[in-house]
Amino acid sequence: MKPTNEERREVAARLRVLSSHREVDKELVEDALGLYMGECIDGYDPVSVMELADLIEPEPERACCDEGTSAFRCGRCGAFALRDAITDLCGPIPIRYCPNCGAKVVER
């Protein structure tokens, strides 16, 4: 399971506490990052390295593509919205997020 933003913040906080010392012990940093030595190899356990990669990588942003037609259709949830449905009295306001699922609209 991918780590949550809260878990990322906890790891960052542990590393900041460690960095407040003059010298940071290697084992304490490894523990804070969740890196563990492999049992039969000289290096880190591959599972702990994968967990570290998951911790670093941000969650993907939900996005859908704007086809540029008069009606917008979200590619993620399938919702439709008329492009000129919302206006500021000077012209239509571009759709930036799907009104149904909140996915960010990106141009093709």
Protein backbone atom coordinates (compact mmCIF):
# COMPACT_ATOMS: atom_id res chain seq x y z
CA MET A 1 0.00 0.00 0.00
CA LYS A 2 1.29 3.45 -0.91
CA PRO A 3 2.25 5.72 1.99
CA THR A 4 -0.01 8.62 2.84
CA ASN A 5 1.06 12.25 2.94
CA GLU A 6 0.87 12.01 6.74
CA GLU A 7 3.40 9.16 6.72
CA ARG A 8 5.65 11.21 4.44
CA ARG A 9 5.47 14.11 6.89
CA GLU A 10 6.33 11.82 9.81
CA VAL A 11 9.47 10.54 8.05
CA ALA A 12 10.48 14.09 7.14
CA ALA A 13 9.99 15.18 10.76
CA ARG A 14 12.17 12.30 12.02
CA LEU A 15 14.90 13.25 9.56
CA ARG A 16 14.73 16.91 10.62
CA VAL A 17 15.17 15.92 14.27
CA LEU A 18 18.17 13.80 13.33
CA SER A 19 19.68 16.62 11.29
CA SER A 20 19.64 18.89 14.33
CA HIS A 21 22.58 16.91 15.76
CA ARG A 22 26.18 17.67 14.93
CA GLU A 23 26.72 14.31 13.28
CA VAL A 24 23.92 12.03 12.23
CA ASP A 25 24.33 8.33 12.95
CA LYS A 26 23.96 6.23 9.81
CA GLU A 27 21.80 3.61 11.53
CA LEU A 28 19.36 6.24 12.83
CA VAL A 29 18.91 7.66 9.33
CA GLU A 30 18.40 4.18 7.89
CA ASP A 31 15.82 3.47 10.57
CA ALA A 32 14.00 6.76 9.93
CA LEU A 33 13.88 5.96 6.21
CA GLY A 34 12.83 2.37 6.80
CA LEU A 35 15.94 0.93 5.13
CA TYR A 36 17.02 -2.44 6.44
CA MET A 37 20.06 -4.50 5.54
CA GLY A 38 19.44 -7.59 3.46
CA GLU A 39 19.98 -10.94 5.13
CA CYS A 40 22.09 -12.62 2.47
CA ILE A 41 23.50 -9.66 0.59
CA ASP A 42 25.79 -6.77 1.27
CA GLY A 43 23.32 -3.95 0.83
CA TYR A 44 19.73 -3.03 1.58
CA ASP A 45 16.70 -5.26 1.56
CA PRO A 46 14.90 -4.70 -1.78
CA VAL A 47 11.50 -4.42 -0.08
CA SER A 48 12.70 -1.58 2.14
CA VAL A 49 14.19 0.20 -0.89
CA MET A 50 10.85 -0.12 -2.74
CA GLU A 51 9.03 1.29 0.29
CA LEU A 52 11.43 4.24 0.27
CA ALA A 53 10.72 4.82 -3.43
CA ASP A 54 6.98 4.79 -2.72
CA LEU A 55 7.53 7.24 0.13
CA ILE A 56 9.39 9.70 -2.09
CA GLU A 57 7.13 9.54 -5.14
CA PRO A 58 4.14 11.88 -4.83
CA GLU A 59 0.64 10.63 -5.39
CA PRO A 60 -0.38 10.98 -9.03
CA GLU A 61 -2.58 13.93 -9.85
CA ARG A 62 -6.02 13.08 -11.16
CA ALA A 63 -6.32 14.58 -14.63
CA CYS A 64 -8.51 14.35 -17.71
CA CYS A 65 -8.04 15.78 -21.21
CA ASP A 66 -9.97 18.65 -22.76
CA GLU A 67 -10.98 17.77 -26.31
CA GLY A 68 -11.86 21.38 -27.16
CA THR A 69 -15.47 20.74 -28.21
CA SER A 70 -18.53 22.74 -27.07
CA ALA A 71 -19.14 20.22 -24.29
CA PHE A 72 -16.52 18.93 -21.90
CA ARG A 73 -16.47 15.21 -21.09
CA CYS A 74 -14.27 13.99 -18.26
CA GLY A 75 -12.11 11.08 -19.32
CA ARG A 76 -11.91 9.77 -15.76
CA CYS A 77 -15.53 9.68 -14.62
CA GLY A 78 -17.45 10.37 -17.86
CA ALA A 79 -19.30 13.47 -16.61
CA PHE A 80 -20.39 16.07 -19.18
CA ALA A 81 -20.46 19.86 -18.76
CA LEU A 82 -21.29 22.57 -21.28
CA ARG A 83 -18.23 24.69 -21.92
CA ASP A 84 -20.11 28.01 -21.72
CA ALA A 85 -22.27 27.06 -18.72
CA ILE A 86 -20.29 29.26 -16.32
CA THR A 87 -19.56 32.86 -17.23
CA ASP A 88 -18.21 36.04 -15.66
CA LEU A 89 -20.52 38.18 -17.88
CA CYS A 90 -17.62 38.87 -20.25
CA GLY A 91 -17.29 35.34 -21.53
CA PRO A 92 -17.22 31.71 -20.47
CA ILE A 93 -14.90 30.70 -17.65
CA PRO A 94 -12.69 27.78 -18.69
CA ILE A 95 -13.31 24.47 -16.97
CA ARG A 96 -10.22 23.76 -14.86
CA TYR A 97 -11.52 20.83 -12.81
CA CYS A 98 -14.19 18.23 -13.46
CA PRO A 99 -17.34 19.31 -11.60
CA ASN A 100 -18.06 15.68 -10.70
CA CYS A 101 -14.78 13.99 -9.66
CA GLY A 102 -12.42 16.97 -9.29
CA ALA A 103 -9.87 15.76 -11.85
CA LYS A 104 -7.68 18.54 -13.22
CA VAL A 105 -8.46 19.34 -16.86
CA VAL A 106 -5.41 19.43 -19.11
CA GLU A 107 -5.36 20.48 -22.77
CA ARG A 108 -4.30 18.00 -25.41
